[in-house]
Protein backbone atom coordinates (compact mmCIF):
# COMPACT_ATOMS: atom_id res chain seq x y z
CA MET A 1 -60.81 -103.38 9.22
CA ALA A 2 -58.33 -101.80 11.62
CA LYS A 3 -59.76 -100.25 14.76
CA PRO A 4 -60.63 -96.65 13.84
CA SER A 5 -60.68 -93.59 16.06
CA PHE A 6 -64.12 -92.01 16.07
CA LYS A 7 -64.70 -89.29 18.65
CA ARG A 8 -67.77 -87.69 17.09
CA LEU A 9 -70.40 -89.63 15.19
CA LEU A 10 -73.51 -88.60 13.27
CA ILE A 11 -76.13 -91.30 12.80
CA LYS A 12 -78.74 -90.91 10.06
CA ILE A 13 -81.98 -92.84 10.67
CA SER A 14 -84.91 -93.02 8.30
CA GLY A 15 -88.41 -92.48 9.58
CA GLU A 16 -89.37 -95.84 8.09
CA SER A 17 -86.83 -97.60 10.32
CA LEU A 18 -88.40 -96.04 13.40
CA LYS A 19 -91.83 -97.23 12.32
CA GLY A 20 -90.66 -100.83 12.03
CA ASP A 21 -93.59 -103.17 11.49
CA SER A 22 -95.92 -101.09 13.63
CA SER A 23 -99.25 -99.69 12.43
CA VAL A 24 -98.54 -96.44 14.28
CA PHE A 25 -96.01 -93.84 13.21
CA MET A 26 -93.33 -95.02 15.67
CA ASP A 27 -92.55 -98.42 17.14
CA LYS A 28 -91.31 -98.72 20.74
CA THR A 29 -88.99 -101.59 19.83
CA ALA A 30 -87.37 -99.49 17.10
CA ILE A 31 -87.01 -96.53 19.46
CA ASN A 32 -85.36 -98.71 22.09
CA ARG A 33 -83.02 -100.11 19.46
CA LEU A 34 -81.95 -96.57 18.55
CA LEU A 35 -81.43 -95.72 22.22
CA SER A 36 -79.22 -98.79 22.53
CA HIS A 37 -77.16 -97.77 19.48
CA VAL A 38 -76.54 -94.33 20.97
CA GLN A 39 -75.79 -95.69 24.45
CA ASN A 40 -73.26 -98.10 22.96
CA ALA A 41 -71.52 -95.24 21.16
CA GLN A 42 -71.41 -93.02 24.23
CA ALA A 43 -70.13 -95.91 26.35
CA LYS A 44 -67.10 -95.98 24.07
CA GLY A 45 -66.50 -92.27 24.55
CA CYS A 46 -68.10 -91.14 21.30
CA GLN A 47 -70.14 -87.94 20.99
CA VAL A 48 -73.37 -88.59 19.09
CA ALA A 49 -75.52 -86.47 16.80
CA LEU A 50 -78.62 -87.70 15.00
CA VAL A 51 -80.57 -86.78 11.90
CA VAL A 52 -83.96 -88.45 11.60
CA GLY A 53 -86.13 -88.61 8.50
CA GLY A 54 -89.88 -88.15 8.35
CA GLY A 55 -90.94 -90.91 5.97
CA ASN A 56 -92.95 -92.71 8.64
CA ILE A 57 -95.33 -89.73 8.62
CA TRP A 58 -94.98 -88.01 5.24
CA ARG A 59 -92.77 -88.13 2.16
CA GLY A 60 -92.97 -84.99 0.06
CA LYS A 61 -91.77 -86.59 -3.17
CA GLU A 62 -94.48 -89.26 -2.88
CA ASN A 63 -97.27 -86.73 -2.35
CA THR A 64 -100.49 -87.79 -4.11
CA LEU A 65 -102.43 -84.59 -3.43
CA ASP A 66 -102.37 -82.92 -6.84
CA PHE A 67 -103.24 -79.50 -5.38
CA LEU A 68 -100.10 -79.51 -3.22
CA GLU A 69 -96.94 -78.32 -4.97
CA ARG A 70 -93.67 -80.16 -4.38
CA SER A 71 -92.17 -77.36 -2.30
CA ASP A 72 -95.19 -77.32 0.01
CA ALA A 73 -95.23 -81.12 0.23
CA ASP A 74 -91.57 -81.03 1.25
CA LYS A 75 -92.36 -78.49 3.96
CA VAL A 76 -94.87 -80.92 5.43
CA GLY A 77 -92.07 -83.51 5.44
CA ILE A 78 -89.81 -81.05 7.21
CA LEU A 79 -92.37 -80.78 9.99
CA ALA A 80 -92.63 -84.58 10.12
CA THR A 81 -88.92 -84.80 10.96
CA LEU A 82 -89.45 -82.31 13.78
CA MET A 83 -92.27 -84.44 15.20
CA ASN A 84 -89.98 -87.48 15.14
CA ALA A 85 -87.16 -85.57 16.82
CA LEU A 86 -89.39 -84.37 19.65
CA VAL A 87 -90.62 -87.92 20.29
CA LEU A 88 -87.03 -89.19 20.37
CA LYS A 89 -85.98 -86.40 22.72
CA GLY A 90 -88.60 -87.59 25.18
CA ALA A 91 -87.40 -91.18 24.82
CA PHE A 92 -83.79 -90.20 25.51
CA GLU A 93 -84.69 -88.08 28.51
CA ILE A 94 -86.84 -90.76 30.14
CA LYS A 95 -83.69 -92.92 30.04
CA GLY A 96 -81.75 -90.19 31.82
CA MET A 97 -79.82 -89.14 28.70
CA GLN A 98 -79.34 -85.42 28.05
CA CYS A 99 -80.72 -84.46 24.65
CA VAL A 100 -81.31 -81.26 22.69
CA VAL A 101 -83.16 -80.67 19.40
CA PHE A 102 -81.93 -78.14 16.86
CA SER A 103 -84.25 -77.23 14.02
CA GLY A 104 -83.40 -75.94 10.56
CA VAL A 105 -86.61 -73.88 10.68
CA SER A 106 -87.47 -71.52 13.50
CA VAL A 107 -89.86 -73.05 16.05
CA PRO A 108 -88.53 -71.46 19.27
CA SER A 109 -91.39 -72.68 21.45
CA LEU A 110 -90.48 -76.30 20.66
CA CYS A 111 -86.73 -76.48 20.11
CA GLU A 112 -83.50 -74.60 19.52
CA ASN A 113 -82.82 -72.75 16.29
CA TYR A 114 -79.82 -74.33 14.58
CA LEU A 115 -76.54 -72.62 15.38
CA GLU A 116 -73.39 -74.48 14.38
CA HIS A 117 -71.14 -73.50 17.29
CA THR A 118 -73.89 -73.94 19.88
CA ALA A 119 -74.64 -77.44 18.61
CA ARG A 120 -70.95 -78.36 18.84
CA ALA A 121 -70.84 -77.06 22.41
CA PHE A 122 -73.72 -79.36 23.38
CA LEU A 123 -71.91 -82.32 21.84
CA ASP A 124 -68.83 -81.46 23.89
CA LYS A 125 -71.02 -81.48 27.01
CA GLY A 126 -72.17 -85.03 26.28
CA TYR A 127 -75.65 -84.27 24.98
CA VAL A 128 -77.28 -86.31 22.26
CA VAL A 129 -77.85 -83.65 19.60
CA LEU A 130 -80.87 -84.19 17.34
CA PHE A 131 -81.01 -82.23 14.09
CA ALA A 132 -84.55 -81.80 12.79
CA ALA A 133 -86.22 -80.06 9.82
CA GLY A 134 -83.53 -81.14 7.37
CA THR A 135 -81.65 -78.22 5.87
CA GLY A 136 -84.68 -76.01 6.44
CA SER A 137 -85.38 -75.83 2.71
CA PRO A 138 -87.56 -77.93 0.37
CA PHE A 139 -86.05 -80.13 -2.37
CA PHE A 140 -83.21 -81.29 -0.10
CA THR A 141 -83.38 -84.75 1.47
CA THR A 142 -82.50 -85.66 5.04
CA ASP A 143 -79.49 -87.53 3.60
CA THR A 144 -78.18 -84.20 2.37
CA ALA A 145 -79.02 -82.62 5.73
CA ALA A 146 -77.16 -85.41 7.55
CA THR A 147 -74.09 -84.94 5.36
CA LEU A 148 -74.15 -81.18 5.82
CA ARG A 149 -74.54 -81.40 9.60
CA ALA A 150 -71.81 -84.05 9.87
CA LEU A 151 -69.41 -81.74 8.07
CA GLU A 152 -70.43 -78.71 10.12
CA MET A 153 -70.06 -80.68 13.36
CA LYS A 154 -66.65 -81.95 12.20
CA CYS A 155 -67.77 -85.54 12.71
CA ASP A 156 -65.32 -88.39 12.19
CA LEU A 157 -68.02 -90.55 10.61
CA LEU A 158 -71.48 -90.37 9.08
CA LEU A 159 -73.23 -93.66 9.74
CA LYS A 160 -76.39 -94.30 7.76
CA LEU A 161 -78.44 -97.07 9.34
CA THR A 162 -80.98 -98.60 6.96
CA LYS A 163 -83.11 -101.71 6.49
CA VAL A 164 -80.24 -103.56 4.79
CA ASP A 165 -76.63 -104.25 5.79
CA GLY A 166 -74.82 -102.09 3.27
CA VAL A 167 -74.74 -100.89 -0.32
CA TYR A 168 -75.93 -103.26 -3.05
CA ASP A 169 -75.92 -103.00 -6.81
CA LYS A 170 -79.72 -103.44 -6.71
CA ASP A 171 -82.46 -103.94 -4.15
CA PRO A 172 -81.61 -107.16 -2.25
CA LYS A 173 -85.21 -107.49 -1.11
CA LYS A 174 -86.35 -107.77 -4.72
CA TYR A 175 -83.37 -109.50 -6.35
CA LYS A 176 -81.74 -112.59 -4.86
CA ASP A 177 -78.63 -112.07 -7.01
CA ALA A 178 -77.99 -108.56 -5.66
CA ILE A 179 -74.30 -107.98 -4.95
CA ARG A 180 -73.23 -106.36 -1.70
CA PHE A 181 -70.10 -104.18 -1.50
CA ASP A 182 -67.70 -103.92 1.43
CA ARG A 183 -66.29 -100.75 -0.09
CA VAL A 184 -67.56 -98.46 -2.82
CA THR A 185 -66.34 -95.09 -4.05
CA PHE A 186 -68.50 -92.00 -4.06
CA GLN A 187 -68.01 -91.83 -7.83
CA GLN A 188 -69.30 -95.38 -8.26
CA VAL A 189 -72.42 -94.52 -6.28
CA LEU A 190 -72.98 -91.48 -8.48
CA SER A 191 -72.23 -93.12 -11.83
CA LYS A 192 -74.00 -96.43 -11.16
CA GLY A 193 -76.96 -94.86 -9.41
CA TYR A 194 -76.83 -97.13 -6.36
CA ALA A 195 -79.87 -96.34 -4.21
CA VAL A 196 -78.14 -95.50 -0.94
CA MET A 197 -78.02 -91.68 -0.73
CA ASP A 198 -79.15 -88.96 -3.09
CA ALA A 199 -76.61 -87.48 -5.48
CA THR A 200 -76.35 -84.17 -3.63
CA ALA A 201 -75.48 -85.92 -0.36
CA VAL A 202 -72.90 -88.17 -2.05
CA ALA A 203 -71.26 -85.25 -3.87
CA LEU A 204 -71.13 -83.24 -0.64
CA ALA A 205 -69.54 -86.12 1.27
CA LYS A 206 -67.01 -86.58 -1.50
CA GLU A 207 -66.11 -82.90 -1.58
CA GLY A 208 -65.82 -82.75 2.21
CA ASP A 209 -63.84 -86.01 2.40
CA LEU A 210 -66.36 -87.28 4.97
CA PRO A 211 -66.10 -90.97 5.94
CA VAL A 212 -69.48 -92.65 5.38
CA MET A 213 -70.60 -96.12 6.40
CA VAL A 214 -73.89 -97.86 5.66
CA GLY A 215 -75.19 -100.66 7.86
CA SER A 216 -78.33 -102.29 9.21
CA PHE A 217 -80.38 -100.49 11.84
CA PHE A 218 -81.68 -103.88 12.96
CA GLU A 219 -78.25 -105.32 13.85
CA GLU A 220 -78.20 -104.84 17.61
CA GLU A 221 -74.44 -104.41 18.07
CA ILE A 222 -73.69 -102.64 14.79
CA VAL A 223 -72.51 -99.35 16.35
CA SER A 224 -70.26 -101.05 18.91
CA GLU A 225 -68.79 -103.25 16.18
CA ILE A 226 -68.06 -100.29 13.91
CA LEU A 227 -66.33 -98.41 16.71
CA GLU A 228 -64.23 -101.51 17.33
CA GLY A 229 -63.23 -101.74 13.66
CA ARG A 230 -65.47 -104.64 12.68
CA GLY A 231 -69.07 -105.29 11.71
CA THR A 232 -70.94 -105.80 8.45
CA VAL A 233 -71.06 -102.42 6.75
CA THR A 234 -70.24 -100.79 3.44
CA ARG A 235 -67.66 -98.02 3.57
CA MET A 236 -68.06 -95.22 1.05
CA GLU A 237 -64.80 -93.49 0.17
CA LYS A 238 -63.13 -91.27 -2.38
CA GLY A 239 -61.03 -93.92 -4.08
CA GLU A 240 -58.72 -93.12 -6.95
């Protein structure tokens, strides 16, 4: 692909990716890999925002406690994303990188309350901006939160880094004949039910005409390659 011009990037990372193969809730190797991704982007003059999931700690929709309603289970997941964000903030700062956490729920003793214009100002100052607590409401995934924040921050790209190197027609870890796409339209994702982002996030990206790419978190140079117009990713676009 031709070399694009990305000045502001939002990276969506799942909690599971940060756990890696570790028995604890976060793996140091995975954290260092994320730091490297962000450093590579900043080295190319790109402002970086992050949305992190909470699946390494808790997934509301997979709650097995029958006394806990879905909305309450999702609120626990919201707090899990905040825990992840605070850990990552510490990791960035120990590397000498300025970082700020904005939360979709009010926890003023731990982080900043989310304010759109304030968050943009921190990006302009070169901070890594971490968005925690999703949208602040249950029933919405962190994919939807990432799409919303990318639009609000006027990002040039939403990059979802996952355990696989793009969008497939079915799970490549289960099916050897899974087909990988270099490009796929938002409508195809919605109509075919490809398991890459939830329908709300896809519809929001489509409506906002937000460029979305999906690649592997475990590919060390993936961010640098994308910013140079190459790399193994799937681009999601409007299409005809």
